[in-house]
PDB file of N, CA and C in Angstrom:
ATOM      1  N   MET A   1     -22.384  10.632   8.210  1.00  0.00           N
ATOM      2  CA  MET A   1     -22.411  11.966   7.647  1.00  0.00           C
ATOM      3  C   MET A   1     -21.159  12.161   6.787  1.00  0.00           C
ATOM      4  N   ALA A   2     -21.325  12.809   5.662  1.00  0.00           N
ATOM      5  CA  ALA A   2     -20.211  13.074   4.756  1.00  0.00           C
ATOM      6  C   ALA A   2     -19.260  14.091   5.369  1.00  0.00           C
ATOM      7  N   HIS A   3     -17.969  13.915   5.104  1.00  0.00           N
ATOM      8  CA  HIS A   3     -16.993  14.903   5.569  1.00  0.00           C
ATOM      9  C   HIS A   3     -15.832  15.001   4.593  1.00  0.00           C
ATOM     10  N   LEU A   4     -15.053  16.073   4.705  1.00  0.00           N
ATOM     11  CA  LEU A   4     -13.940  16.323   3.796  1.00  0.00           C
ATOM     12  C   LEU A   4     -12.685  15.571   4.215  1.00  0.00           C
ATOM     13  N   ALA A   5     -11.912  15.171   3.225  1.00  0.00           N
ATOM     14  CA  ALA A   5     -10.613  14.532   3.414  1.00  0.00           C
ATOM     15  C   ALA A   5      -9.735  15.019   2.258  1.00  0.00           C
ATOM     16  N   THR A   6      -8.534  14.467   2.129  1.00  0.00           N
ATOM     17  CA  THR A   6      -7.633  14.862   1.044  1.00  0.00           C
ATOM     18  C   THR A   6      -7.131  13.634   0.308  1.00  0.00           C
ATOM     19  N   ASP A   7      -7.168  13.717  -1.013  1.00  0.00           N
ATOM     20  CA  ASP A   7      -6.695  12.659  -1.904  1.00  0.00           C
ATOM     21  C   ASP A   7      -5.351  13.093  -2.484  1.00  0.00           C
ATOM     22  N   LEU A   8      -4.378  12.185  -2.453  1.00  0.00           N
ATOM     23  CA  LEU A   8      -3.085  12.423  -3.094  1.00  0.00           C
ATOM     24  C   LEU A   8      -3.032  11.582  -4.369  1.00  0.00           C
ATOM     25  N   ALA A   9      -2.774  12.215  -5.507  1.00  0.00           N
ATOM     26  CA  ALA A   9      -2.599  11.488  -6.757  1.00  0.00           C
ATOM     27  C   ALA A   9      -1.105  11.425  -7.052  1.00  0.00           C
ATOM     28  N   VAL A  10      -0.614  10.218  -7.279  1.00  0.00           N
ATOM     29  CA  VAL A  10       0.812   9.955  -7.418  1.00  0.00           C
ATOM     30  C   VAL A  10       1.059   9.238  -8.733  1.00  0.00           C
ATOM     31  N   THR A  11       2.070   9.664  -9.476  1.00  0.00           N
ATOM     32  CA  THR A  11       2.399   8.969 -10.718  1.00  0.00           C
ATOM     33  C   THR A  11       3.326   7.795 -10.441  1.00  0.00           C
ATOM     34  N   LEU A  12       3.099   6.720 -11.172  1.00  0.00           N
ATOM     35  CA  LEU A  12       4.025   5.590 -11.142  1.00  0.00           C
ATOM     36  C   LEU A  12       5.063   5.864 -12.226  1.00  0.00           C
ATOM     37  N   PRO A  13       6.353   5.864 -11.887  1.00  0.00           N
ATOM     38  CA  PRO A  13       7.367   6.234 -12.878  1.00  0.00           C
ATOM     39  C   PRO A  13       7.438   5.274 -14.061  1.00  0.00           C
ATOM     40  N   GLU A  14       7.032   4.019 -13.849  1.00  0.00           N
ATOM     41  CA  GLU A  14       7.037   3.036 -14.922  1.00  0.00           C
ATOM     42  C   GLU A  14       5.781   2.185 -14.809  1.00  0.00           C
ATOM     43  N   ASP A  15       5.256   1.777 -15.956  1.00  0.00           N
ATOM     44  CA  ASP A  15       4.100   0.894 -15.969  1.00  0.00           C
ATOM     45  C   ASP A  15       4.608  -0.533 -16.113  1.00  0.00           C
ATOM     46  N   ARG A  16       4.948  -1.123 -14.970  1.00  0.00           N
ATOM     47  CA  ARG A  16       5.475  -2.495 -14.982  1.00  0.00           C
ATOM     48  C   ARG A  16       5.081  -3.183 -13.689  1.00  0.00           C
ATOM     49  N   PRO A  17       5.142  -4.504 -13.677  1.00  0.00           N
ATOM     50  CA  PRO A  17       4.780  -5.245 -12.466  1.00  0.00           C
ATOM     51  C   PRO A  17       5.587  -4.783 -11.250  1.00  0.00           C
ATOM     52  N   GLY A  18       4.899  -4.617 -10.136  1.00  0.00           N
ATOM     53  CA  GLY A  18       5.552  -4.272  -8.879  1.00  0.00           C
ATOM     54  C   GLY A  18       5.513  -2.808  -8.499  1.00  0.00           C
ATOM     55  N   MET A  19       5.174  -1.932  -9.436  1.00  0.00           N
ATOM     56  CA  MET A  19       5.197  -0.501  -9.123  1.00  0.00           C
ATOM     57  C   MET A  19       4.097  -0.120  -8.127  1.00  0.00           C
ATOM     58  N   LEU A  20       2.905  -0.675  -8.289  1.00  0.00           N
ATOM     59  CA  LEU A  20       1.833  -0.380  -7.342  1.00  0.00           C
ATOM     60  C   LEU A  20       2.192  -0.928  -5.965  1.00  0.00           C
ATOM     61  N   ALA A  21       2.741  -2.129  -5.929  1.00  0.00           N
ATOM     62  CA  ALA A  21       3.167  -2.724  -4.661  1.00  0.00           C
ATOM     63  C   ALA A  21       4.236  -1.854  -3.995  1.00  0.00           C
ATOM     64  N   LYS A  22       5.144  -1.304  -4.785  1.00  0.00           N
ATOM     65  CA  LYS A  22       6.203  -0.459  -4.235  1.00  0.00           C
ATOM     66  C   LYS A  22       5.611   0.817  -3.628  1.00  0.00           C
ATOM     67  N   ALA A  23       4.661   1.445  -4.331  1.00  0.00           N
ATOM     68  CA  ALA A  23       4.056   2.688  -3.830  1.00  0.00           C
ATOM     69  C   ALA A  23       3.281   2.435  -2.545  1.00  0.00           C
ATOM     70  N   LEU A  24       2.405   1.441  -2.569  1.00  0.00           N
ATOM     71  CA  LEU A  24       1.604   1.152  -1.379  1.00  0.00           C
ATOM     72  C   LEU A  24       2.475   0.606  -0.252  1.00  0.00           C
ATOM     73  N   GLY A  25       3.498  -0.154  -0.604  1.00  0.00           N
ATOM     74  CA  GLY A  25       4.426  -0.683   0.395  1.00  0.00           C
ATOM     75  C   GLY A  25       5.216   0.420   1.082  1.00  0.00           C
ATOM     76  N   ALA A  26       5.577   1.471   0.343  1.00  0.00           N
ATOM     77  CA  ALA A  26       6.317   2.591   0.932  1.00  0.00           C
ATOM     78  C   ALA A  26       5.476   3.259   2.012  1.00  0.00           C
ATOM     79  N   VAL A  27       4.187   3.380   1.766  1.00  0.00           N
ATOM     80  CA  VAL A  27       3.296   3.991   2.747  1.00  0.00           C
ATOM     81  C   VAL A  27       3.131   3.063   3.944  1.00  0.00           C
ATOM     82  N   GLY A  28       2.836   1.808   3.674  1.00  0.00           N
ATOM     83  CA  GLY A  28       2.621   0.836   4.749  1.00  0.00           C
ATOM     84  C   GLY A  28       3.837   0.612   5.614  1.00  0.00           C
ATOM     85  N   SER A  29       5.027   0.538   5.008  1.00  0.00           N
ATOM     86  CA  SER A  29       6.231   0.288   5.795  1.00  0.00           C
ATOM     87  C   SER A  29       6.625   1.501   6.636  1.00  0.00           C
ATOM     88  N   SER A  30       6.007   2.642   6.356  1.00  0.00           N
ATOM     89  CA  SER A  30       6.212   3.832   7.192  1.00  0.00           C
ATOM     90  C   SER A  30       5.230   3.855   8.354  1.00  0.00           C
ATOM     91  N   GLY A  31       4.411   2.807   8.473  1.00  0.00           N
ATOM     92  CA  GLY A  31       3.464   2.723   9.572  1.00  0.00           C
ATOM     93  C   GLY A  31       2.185   3.513   9.341  1.00  0.00           C
ATOM     94  N   ILE A  32       1.932   3.852   8.087  1.00  0.00           N
ATOM     95  CA  ILE A  32       0.755   4.658   7.742  1.00  0.00           C
ATOM     96  C   ILE A  32      -0.322   3.742   7.187  1.00  0.00           C
ATOM     97  N   ASN A  33      -1.527   3.864   7.721  1.00  0.00           N
ATOM     98  CA  ASN A  33      -2.644   3.083   7.226  1.00  0.00           C
ATOM     99  C   ASN A  33      -3.256   3.770   6.008  1.00  0.00           C
ATOM    100  N   ILE A  34      -3.511   3.002   4.968  1.00  0.00           N
ATOM    101  CA  ILE A  34      -4.163   3.527   3.773  1.00  0.00           C
ATOM    102  C   ILE A  34      -5.659   3.307   3.935  1.00  0.00           C
ATOM    103  N   ASP A  35      -6.411   4.408   3.917  1.00  0.00           N
ATOM    104  CA  ASP A  35      -7.865   4.337   4.073  1.00  0.00           C
ATOM    105  C   ASP A  35      -8.562   3.993   2.765  1.00  0.00           C
ATOM    106  N   GLY A  36      -7.919   4.263   1.654  1.00  0.00           N
ATOM    107  CA  GLY A  36      -8.476   3.948   0.345  1.00  0.00           C
ATOM    108  C   GLY A  36      -7.457   4.244  -0.725  1.00  0.00           C
ATOM    109  N   TYR A  37      -7.601   3.573  -1.873  1.00  0.00           N
ATOM    110  CA  TYR A  37      -6.731   3.864  -3.011  1.00  0.00           C
ATOM    111  C   TYR A  37      -7.385   3.353  -4.288  1.00  0.00           C
ATOM    112  N   ALA A  38      -6.976   3.926  -5.381  1.00  0.00           N
ATOM    113  CA  ALA A  38      -7.383   3.469  -6.708  1.00  0.00           C
ATOM    114  C   ALA A  38      -6.216   3.743  -7.646  1.00  0.00           C
ATOM    115  N   GLU A  39      -6.002   2.857  -8.606  1.00  0.00           N
ATOM    116  CA  GLU A  39      -4.939   3.053  -9.594  1.00  0.00           C
ATOM    117  C   GLU A  39      -5.540   2.908 -10.981  1.00  0.00           C
ATOM    118  N   MET A  40      -5.253   3.903 -11.826  1.00  0.00           N
ATOM    119  CA  MET A  40      -5.681   3.846 -13.219  1.00  0.00           C
ATOM    120  C   MET A  40      -4.670   4.549 -14.091  1.00  0.00           C
ATOM    121  N   ASP A  41      -4.253   3.859 -15.138  1.00  0.00           N
ATOM    122  CA  ASP A  41      -3.369   4.454 -16.142  1.00  0.00           C
ATOM    123  C   ASP A  41      -2.118   5.086 -15.544  1.00  0.00           C
ATOM    124  N   GLY A  42      -1.513   4.418 -14.575  1.00  0.00           N
ATOM    125  CA  GLY A  42      -0.257   4.897 -14.023  1.00  0.00           C
ATOM    126  C   GLY A  42      -0.368   5.996 -12.986  1.00  0.00           C
ATOM    127  N   VAL A  43      -1.592   6.281 -12.527  1.00  0.00           N
ATOM    128  CA  VAL A  43      -1.789   7.261 -11.464  1.00  0.00           C
ATOM    129  C   VAL A  43      -2.501   6.563 -10.307  1.00  0.00           C
ATOM    130  N   VAL A  44      -1.909   6.687  -9.109  1.00  0.00           N
ATOM    131  CA  VAL A  44      -2.482   6.084  -7.916  1.00  0.00           C
ATOM    132  C   VAL A  44      -3.052   7.196  -7.046  1.00  0.00           C
ATOM    133  N   HIS A  45      -4.325   7.056  -6.694  1.00  0.00           N
ATOM    134  CA  HIS A  45      -4.962   7.974  -5.742  1.00  0.00           C
ATOM    135  C   HIS A  45      -4.893   7.317  -4.378  1.00  0.00           C
ATOM    136  N   VAL A  46      -4.369   8.026  -3.386  1.00  0.00           N
ATOM    137  CA  VAL A  46      -4.173   7.485  -2.040  1.00  0.00           C
ATOM    138  C   VAL A  46      -4.902   8.371  -1.039  1.00  0.00           C
ATOM    139  N   LEU A  47      -5.625   7.719  -0.140  1.00  0.00           N
ATOM    140  CA  LEU A  47      -6.338   8.421   0.922  1.00  0.00           C
ATOM    141  C   LEU A  47      -5.787   7.954   2.255  1.00  0.00           C
ATOM    142  N   THR A  48      -5.204   8.874   3.033  1.00  0.00           N
ATOM    143  CA  THR A  48      -4.723   8.567   4.384  1.00  0.00           C
ATOM    144  C   THR A  48      -5.062   9.748   5.291  1.00  0.00           C
ATOM    145  N   THR A  49      -4.948   9.515   6.567  1.00  0.00           N
ATOM    146  CA  THR A  49      -5.155  10.610   7.516  1.00  0.00           C
ATOM    147  C   THR A  49      -3.841  11.303   7.859  1.00  0.00           C
ATOM    148  N   GLN A  50      -2.728  10.764   7.394  1.00  0.00           N
ATOM    149  CA  GLN A  50      -1.404  11.321   7.697  1.00  0.00           C
ATOM    150  C   GLN A  50      -0.767  11.852   6.415  1.00  0.00           C
ATOM    151  N   LEU A  51      -1.236  12.992   5.961  1.00  0.00           N
ATOM    152  CA  LEU A  51      -0.818  13.527   4.659  1.00  0.00           C
ATOM    153  C   LEU A  51       0.680  13.796   4.561  1.00  0.00           C
ATOM    154  N   ASP A  52       1.232  14.523   5.521  1.00  0.00           N
ATOM    155  CA  ASP A  52       2.659  14.871   5.444  1.00  0.00           C
ATOM    156  C   ASP A  52       3.533  13.622   5.412  1.00  0.00           C
ATOM    157  N   ALA A  53       3.250  12.681   6.285  1.00  0.00           N
ATOM    158  CA  ALA A  53       4.045  11.451   6.345  1.00  0.00           C
ATOM    159  C   ALA A  53       3.867  10.624   5.075  1.00  0.00           C
ATOM    160  N   THR A  54       2.659  10.606   4.524  1.00  0.00           N
ATOM    161  CA  THR A  54       2.404   9.863   3.290  1.00  0.00           C
ATOM    162  C   THR A  54       3.156  10.490   2.126  1.00  0.00           C
ATOM    163  N   ARG A  55       3.091  11.806   2.023  1.00  0.00           N
ATOM    164  CA  ARG A  55       3.821  12.530   0.987  1.00  0.00           C
ATOM    165  C   ARG A  55       5.321  12.222   1.071  1.00  0.00           C
ATOM    166  N   ARG A  56       5.838  12.265   2.293  1.00  0.00           N
ATOM    167  CA  ARG A  56       7.265  12.021   2.522  1.00  0.00           C
ATOM    168  C   ARG A  56       7.641  10.582   2.147  1.00  0.00           C
ATOM    169  N   ALA A  57       6.842   9.602   2.578  1.00  0.00           N
ATOM    170  CA  ALA A  57       7.132   8.194   2.289  1.00  0.00           C
ATOM    171  C   ALA A  57       7.132   7.930   0.787  1.00  0.00           C
ATOM    172  N   LEU A  58       6.163   8.484   0.090  1.00  0.00           N
ATOM    173  CA  LEU A  58       6.089   8.285  -1.357  1.00  0.00           C
ATOM    174  C   LEU A  58       7.261   8.973  -2.064  1.00  0.00           C
ATOM    175  N   GLY A  59       7.582  10.175  -1.640  1.00  0.00           N
ATOM    176  CA  GLY A  59       8.708  10.902  -2.236  1.00  0.00           C
ATOM    177  C   GLY A  59      10.027  10.184  -2.037  1.00  0.00           C
ATOM    178  N   GLN A  60      10.253   9.667  -0.848  1.00  0.00           N
ATOM    179  CA  GLN A  60      11.505   8.945  -0.564  1.00  0.00           C
ATOM    180  C   GLN A  60      11.606   7.653  -1.369  1.00  0.00           C
ATOM    181  N   ALA A  61      10.460   7.100  -1.763  1.00  0.00           N
ATOM    182  CA  ALA A  61      10.462   5.871  -2.564  1.00  0.00           C
ATOM    183  C   ALA A  61      10.515   6.174  -4.063  1.00  0.00           C
ATOM    184  N   GLY A  62      10.612   7.459  -4.429  1.00  0.00           N
ATOM    185  CA  GLY A  62      10.754   7.832  -5.826  1.00  0.00           C
ATOM    186  C   GLY A  62       9.462   8.154  -6.561  1.00  0.00           C
ATOM    187  N   PHE A  63       8.381   8.354  -5.829  1.00  0.00           N
ATOM    188  CA  PHE A  63       7.102   8.676  -6.449  1.00  0.00           C
ATOM    189  C   PHE A  63       6.831  10.174  -6.307  1.00  0.00           C
ATOM    190  N   ARG A  64       6.133  10.718  -7.300  1.00  0.00           N
ATOM    191  CA  ARG A  64       5.858  12.154  -7.319  1.00  0.00           C
ATOM    192  C   ARG A  64       4.362  12.394  -7.154  1.00  0.00           C
ATOM    193  N   VAL A  65       4.013  13.202  -6.156  1.00  0.00           N
ATOM    194  CA  VAL A  65       2.617  13.603  -5.973  1.00  0.00           C
ATOM    195  C   VAL A  65       2.314  14.652  -7.028  1.00  0.00           C
ATOM    196  N   VAL A  66       1.316  14.372  -7.884  1.00  0.00           N
ATOM    197  CA  VAL A  66       0.979  15.316  -8.954  1.00  0.00           C
ATOM    198  C   VAL A  66      -0.201  16.205  -8.594  1.00  0.00           C
ATOM    199  N   THR A  67      -1.121  15.718  -7.772  1.00  0.00           N
ATOM    200  CA  THR A  67      -2.198  16.563  -7.284  1.00  0.00           C
ATOM    201  C   THR A  67      -2.540  16.168  -5.857  1.00  0.00           C
ATOM    202  N   GLU A  68      -3.010  17.149  -5.156  1.00  0.00           N
ATOM    203  CA  GLU A  68      -3.488  16.955  -3.794  1.00  0.00           C
ATOM    204  C   GLU A  68      -4.773  17.752  -3.716  1.00  0.00           C
ATOM    205  N   GLN A  69      -5.883  17.060  -3.551  1.00  0.00           N
ATOM    206  CA  GLN A  69      -7.137  17.796  -3.579  1.00  0.00           C
ATOM    207  C   GLN A  69      -8.136  17.299  -2.555  1.00  0.00           C
ATOM    208  N   PRO A  70      -8.983  18.205  -2.110  1.00  0.00           N
ATOM    209  CA  PRO A  70     -10.030  17.810  -1.169  1.00  0.00           C
ATOM    210  C   PRO A  70     -11.024  16.876  -1.853  1.00  0.00           C
ATOM    211  N   VAL A  71     -11.516  15.934  -1.083  1.00  0.00           N
ATOM    212  CA  VAL A  71     -12.547  15.002  -1.542  1.00  0.00           C
ATOM    213  C   VAL A  71     -13.591  14.891  -0.446  1.00  0.00           C
ATOM    214  N   LEU A  72     -14.740  14.373  -0.814  1.00  0.00           N
ATOM    215  CA  LEU A  72     -15.798  14.137   0.154  1.00  0.00           C
ATOM    216  C   LEU A  72     -15.865  12.651   0.440  1.00  0.00           C
ATOM    217  N   LEU A  73     -15.872  12.284   1.716  1.00  0.00           N
ATOM    218  CA  LEU A  73     -16.044  10.888   2.130  1.00  0.00           C
ATOM    219  C   LEU A  73     -17.499  10.702   2.519  1.00  0.00           C
ATOM    220  N   VAL A  74     -18.150   9.757   1.868  1.00  0.00           N
ATOM    221  CA  VAL A  74     -19.578   9.536   2.074  1.00  0.00           C
ATOM    222  C   VAL A  74     -19.814   8.092   2.513  1.00  0.00           C
ATOM    223  N   PRO A  75     -20.256   7.885   3.753  1.00  0.00           N
ATOM    224  CA  PRO A  75     -20.570   6.523   4.192  1.00  0.00           C
ATOM    225  C   PRO A  75     -21.784   5.993   3.431  1.00  0.00           C
ATOM    226  N   ILE A  76     -21.712   4.728   3.022  1.00  0.00           N
ATOM    227  CA  ILE A  76     -22.843   4.102   2.336  1.00  0.00           C
ATOM    228  C   ILE A  76     -23.098   2.721   2.925  1.00  0.00           C
ATOM    229  N   ALA A  77     -24.310   2.262   2.769  1.00  0.00           N
ATOM    230  CA  ALA A  77     -24.665   0.913   3.221  1.00  0.00           C
ATOM    231  C   ALA A  77     -24.073  -0.109   2.252  1.00  0.00           C
ATOM    232  N   ASP A  78     -23.794  -1.283   2.772  1.00  0.00           N
ATOM    233  CA  ASP A  78     -23.277  -2.374   1.945  1.00  0.00           C
ATOM    234  C   ASP A  78     -24.465  -3.173   1.392  1.00  0.00           C
ATOM    235  N   THR A  79     -25.256  -2.493   0.557  1.00  0.00           N
ATOM    236  CA  THR A  79     -26.444  -3.100  -0.036  1.00  0.00           C
ATOM    237  C   THR A  79     -26.511  -2.731  -1.515  1.00  0.00           C
ATOM    238  N   PRO A  80     -27.163  -3.554  -2.311  1.00  0.00           N
ATOM    239  CA  PRO A  80     -27.276  -3.250  -3.738  1.00  0.00           C
ATOM    240  C   PRO A  80     -27.917  -1.889  -3.989  1.00  0.00           C
ATOM    241  N   GLY A  81     -27.296  -1.109  -4.843  1.00  0.00           N
ATOM    242  CA  GLY A  81     -27.838   0.183  -5.243  1.00  0.00           C
ATOM    243  C   GLY A  81     -27.460   1.363  -4.386  1.00  0.00           C
ATOM    244  N   SER A  82     -26.759   1.143  -3.281  1.00  0.00           N
ATOM    245  CA  SER A  82     -26.402   2.256  -2.383  1.00  0.00           C
ATOM    246  C   SER A  82     -25.576   3.326  -3.084  1.00  0.00           C
ATOM    247  N   ALA A  83     -24.530   2.928  -3.779  1.00  0.00           N
ATOM    248  CA  ALA A  83     -23.685   3.906  -4.471  1.00  0.00           C
ATOM    249  C   ALA A  83     -24.463   4.576  -5.585  1.00  0.00           C
ATOM    250  N   ALA A  84     -25.263   3.824  -6.307  1.00  0.00           N
ATOM    251  CA  ALA A  84     -26.049   4.403  -7.404  1.00  0.00           C
ATOM    252  C   ALA A  84     -26.978   5.493  -6.882  1.00  0.00           C
ATOM    253  N   ARG A  85     -27.584   5.285  -5.725  1.00  0.00           N
ATOM    254  CA  ARG A  85     -28.474   6.299  -5.154  1.00  0.00           C
ATOM    255  C   ARG A  85     -27.713   7.574  -4.802  1.00  0.00           C
ATOM    256  N   VAL A  86     -26.512   7.430  -4.264  1.00  0.00           N
ATOM    257  CA  VAL A  86     -25.682   8.603  -3.950  1.00  0.00           C
ATOM    258  C   VAL A  86     -25.367   9.375  -5.229  1.00  0.00           C
ATOM    259  N   PHE A  87     -24.919   8.664  -6.254  1.00  0.00           N
ATOM    260  CA  PHE A  87     -24.532   9.343  -7.490  1.00  0.00           C
ATOM    261  C   PHE A  87     -25.738   9.910  -8.232  1.00  0.00           C
ATOM    262  N   GLN A  88     -26.904   9.311  -8.065  1.00  0.00           N
ATOM    263  CA  GLN A  88     -28.110   9.869  -8.683  1.00  0.00           C
ATOM    264  C   GLN A  88     -28.479  11.201  -8.049  1.00  0.00           C
ATOM    265  N   ARG A  89     -28.337  11.297  -6.735  1.00  0.00           N
ATOM    266  CA  ARG A  89     -28.623  12.571  -6.055  1.00  0.00           C
ATOM    267  C   ARG A  89     -27.660  13.657  -6.526  1.00  0.00           C
ATOM    268  N   ILE A  90     -26.403  13.280  -6.728  1.00  0.00           N
ATOM    269  CA  ILE A  90     -25.409  14.232  -7.232  1.00  0.00           C
ATOM    270  C   ILE A  90     -25.774  14.639  -8.657  1.00  0.00           C
ATOM    271  N   ALA A  91     -26.149  13.687  -9.480  1.00  0.00           N
ATOM    272  CA  ALA A  91     -26.538  13.972 -10.868  1.00  0.00           C
ATOM    273  C   ALA A  91     -27.779  14.850 -10.915  1.00  0.00           C
ATOM    274  N   ASP A  92     -28.756  14.571 -10.051  1.00  0.00           N
ATOM    275  CA  ASP A  92     -29.977  15.383 -10.011  1.00  0.00           C
ATOM    276  C   ASP A  92     -29.673  16.834  -9.667  1.00  0.00           C
ATOM    277  N   ALA A  93     -28.588  17.064  -8.918  1.00  0.00           N
ATOM    278  CA  ALA A  93     -28.166  18.425  -8.574  1.00  0.00           C
ATOM    279  C   ALA A  93     -27.286  19.039  -9.664  1.00  0.00           C
ATOM    280  N   LYS A  94     -27.116  18.306 -10.773  1.00  0.00           N
ATOM    281  CA  LYS A  94     -26.337  18.778 -11.940  1.00  0.00           C
ATOM    282  C   LYS A  94     -24.866  19.023 -11.609  1.00  0.00           C
ATOM    283  N   ILE A  95     -24.310  18.150 -10.774  1.00  0.00           N
ATOM    284  CA  ILE A  95     -22.904  18.256 -10.381  1.00  0.00           C
ATOM    285  C   ILE A  95     -22.131  17.134 -11.050  1.00  0.00           C
ATOM    286  N   ASN A  96     -21.009  17.486 -11.666  1.00  0.00           N
ATOM    287  CA  ASN A  96     -20.177  16.492 -12.332  1.00  0.00           C
ATOM    288  C   ASN A  96     -19.147  15.915 -11.351  1.00  0.00           C
ATOM    289  N   VAL A  97     -19.085  14.606 -11.280  1.00  0.00           N
ATOM    290  CA  VAL A  97     -18.086  13.917 -10.461  1.00  0.00           C
ATOM    291  C   VAL A  97     -16.825  13.751 -11.303  1.00  0.00           C
ATOM    292  N   GLN A  98     -15.691  14.199 -10.783  1.00  0.00           N
ATOM    293  CA  GLN A  98     -14.423  14.072 -11.499  1.00  0.00           C
ATOM    294  C   GLN A  98     -13.825  12.682 -11.342  1.00  0.00           C
ATOM    295  N   PHE A  99     -13.922  12.131 -10.130  1.00  0.00           N
ATOM    296  CA  PHE A  99     -13.468  10.760  -9.887  1.00  0.00           C
ATOM    297  C   PHE A  99     -14.087  10.269  -8.602  1.00  0.00           C
ATOM    298  N   SER A 100     -14.085   8.959  -8.450  1.00  0.00           N
ATOM    299  CA  SER A 100     -14.560   8.359  -7.201  1.00  0.00           C
ATOM    300  C   SER A 100     -13.937   6.984  -7.051  1.00  0.00           C
ATOM    301  N   TYR A 101     -13.865   6.537  -5.826  1.00  0.00           N
ATOM    302  CA  TYR A 101     -13.434   5.174  -5.522  1.00  0.00           C
ATOM    303  C   TYR A 101     -13.953   4.809  -4.149  1.00  0.00           C
ATOM    304  N   LEU A 102     -13.838   3.557  -3.808  1.00  0.00           N
ATOM    305  CA  LEU A 102     -14.337   3.071  -2.532  1.00  0.00           C
ATOM    306  C   LEU A 102     -13.202   3.001  -1.525  1.00  0.00           C
ATOM    307  N   ALA A 103     -13.459   3.491  -0.331  1.00  0.00           N
ATOM    308  CA  ALA A 103     -12.478   3.444   0.751  1.00  0.00           C
ATOM    309  C   ALA A 103     -12.926   2.427   1.791  1.00  0.00           C
ATOM    310  N   THR A 104     -12.076   2.192   2.750  1.00  0.00           N
ATOM    311  CA  THR A 104     -12.414   1.269   3.835  1.00  0.00           C
ATOM    312  C   THR A 104     -13.662   1.742   4.556  1.00  0.00           C
ATOM    313  N   GLY A 105     -14.335   0.825   5.202  1.00  0.00           N
ATOM    314  CA  GLY A 105     -15.506   1.177   5.991  1.00  0.00           C
ATOM    315  C   GLY A 105     -16.710   1.564   5.162  1.00  0.00           C
ATOM    316  N   ASN A 106     -16.806   1.033   3.939  1.00  0.00           N
ATOM    317  CA  ASN A 106     -17.943   1.346   3.053  1.00  0.00           C
ATOM    318  C   ASN A 106     -18.145   2.839   2.880  1.00  0.00           C
ATOM    319  N   ARG A 107     -17.070   3.516   2.497  1.00  0.00           N
ATOM    320  CA  ARG A 107     -17.136   4.956   2.246  1.00  0.00           C
ATOM    321  C   ARG A 107     -16.772   5.234   0.797  1.00  0.00           C
ATOM    322  N   LEU A 108     -17.560   6.075   0.151  1.00  0.00           N
ATOM    323  CA  LEU A 108     -17.237   6.546  -1.186  1.00  0.00           C
ATOM    324  C   LEU A 108     -16.323   7.756  -1.066  1.00  0.00           C
ATOM    325  N   VAL A 109     -15.296   7.797  -1.880  1.00  0.00           N
ATOM    326  CA  VAL A 109     -14.427   8.960  -2.003  1.00  0.00           C
ATOM    327  C   VAL A 109     -14.867   9.654  -3.286  1.00  0.00           C
ATOM    328  N   ILE A 110     -15.287  10.909  -3.165  1.00  0.00           N
ATOM    329  CA  ILE A 110     -15.817  11.627  -4.318  1.00  0.00           C
ATOM    330  C   ILE A 110     -15.029  12.907  -4.533  1.00  0.00           C
ATOM    331  N   GLY A 111     -14.473  13.038  -5.730  1.00  0.00           N
ATOM    332  CA  GLY A 111     -13.806  14.258  -6.149  1.00  0.00           C
ATOM    333  C   GLY A 111     -14.701  15.002  -7.120  1.00  0.00           C
ATOM    334  N   ALA A 112     -14.945  16.271  -6.866  1.00  0.00           N
ATOM    335  CA  ALA A 112     -15.770  17.110  -7.728  1.00  0.00           C
ATOM    336  C   ALA A 112     -15.299  18.550  -7.585  1.00  0.00           C
ATOM    337  N   SER A 113     -15.652  19.383  -8.548  1.00  0.00           N
ATOM    338  CA  SER A 113     -15.187  20.775  -8.503  1.00  0.00           C
ATOM    339  C   SER A 113     -15.867  21.585  -7.401  1.00  0.00           C
ATOM    340  N   ASP A 114     -17.059  21.164  -6.969  1.00  0.00           N
ATOM    341  CA  ASP A 114     -17.780  21.887  -5.918  1.00  0.00           C
ATOM    342  C   ASP A 114     -18.248  20.901  -4.845  1.00  0.00           C
ATOM    343  N   LEU A 115     -17.365  20.614  -3.904  1.00  0.00           N
ATOM    344  CA  LEU A 115     -17.680  19.628  -2.867  1.00  0.00           C
ATOM    345  C   LEU A 115     -18.783  20.097  -1.935  1.00  0.00           C
ATOM    346  N   GLU A 116     -18.871  21.401  -1.702  1.00  0.00           N
ATOM    347  CA  GLU A 116     -19.948  21.906  -0.854  1.00  0.00           C
ATOM    348  C   GLU A 116     -21.308  21.650  -1.496  1.00  0.00           C
ATOM    349  N   ALA A 117     -21.385  21.789  -2.820  1.00  0.00           N
ATOM    350  CA  ALA A 117     -22.634  21.508  -3.533  1.00  0.00           C
ATOM    351  C   ALA A 117     -22.965  20.011  -3.458  1.00  0.00           C
ATOM    352  N   VAL A 118     -21.943  19.174  -3.537  1.00  0.00           N
ATOM    353  CA  VAL A 118     -22.164  17.727  -3.397  1.00  0.00           C
ATOM    354  C   VAL A 118     -22.718  17.436  -1.999  1.00  0.00           C
ATOM    355  N   LYS A 119     -22.103  18.028  -1.005  1.00  0.00           N
ATOM    356  CA  LYS A 119     -22.539  17.813   0.388  1.00  0.00           C
ATOM    357  C   LYS A 119     -23.983  18.276   0.570  1.00  0.00           C
ATOM    358  N   ARG A 120     -24.332  19.426   0.026  1.00  0.00           N
ATOM    359  CA  ARG A 120     -25.722  19.909   0.117  1.00  0.00           C
ATOM    360  C   ARG A 120     -26.684  18.960  -0.581  1.00  0.00           C
ATOM    361  N   ALA A 121     -26.300  18.443  -1.735  1.00  0.00           N
ATOM    362  CA  ALA A 121     -27.155  17.533  -2.492  1.00  0.00           C
ATOM    363  C   ALA A 121     -27.403  16.243  -1.712  1.00  0.00           C
ATOM    364  N   LEU A 122     -26.389  15.802  -0.980  1.00  0.00           N
ATOM    365  CA  LEU A 122     -26.521  14.541  -0.233  1.00  0.00           C
ATOM    366  C   LEU A 122     -27.198  14.744   1.119  1.00  0.00           C
ATOM    367  N   ASP A 123     -27.024  15.920   1.713  1.00  0.00           N
ATOM    368  CA  ASP A 123     -27.645  16.184   3.016  1.00  0.00           C
ATOM    369  C   ASP A 123     -29.124  16.550   2.893  1.00  0.00           C
ATOM    370  N   GLY A 124     -29.503  17.039   1.690  1.00  0.00           N
ATOM    371  CA  GLY A 124     -30.874  17.528   1.490  1.00  0.00           C
ATOM    372  C   GLY A 124     -31.843  16.472   1.278  1.00  0.00           C
TER     373      GLY A 124
END
C-alpha cells in the first residue's frame, strides 16, 4: 500500500568528482540508512526515515537542504512494465508527476503537487 514519506533535496556545492560520495557518506557515517536517492544536475534527493539526523549530517558536511517535501512511496513488483502501469494510472487521472526515483525494496518515490489525488488514483 502506498504511504507518505519525506524527500530532502540537497545542493552539491561543486560539480566535481567525489561530491556525491561525500554527501551520501555524511549520512551513512552518521549511522543513517538511505532508503533511496537520486542525483541530477547538482541536486541530490535523499529519502530516509531519520529526517532530523539526516538534515544535521548533511549540514555539518557543508551541504544545504533546498527543499523538503512530502512524497508518496509506492511498492511495485519487480516485473517488466510495473512502473509504467503506475505512471499510466497517474496520467489517466490527469496528475502531473514532478519527480520520481526508485527506492530500496522496489518502491517508487513520487513527488507531485497533489499526493492525495495520486494515492486515490492508485488505490482506485
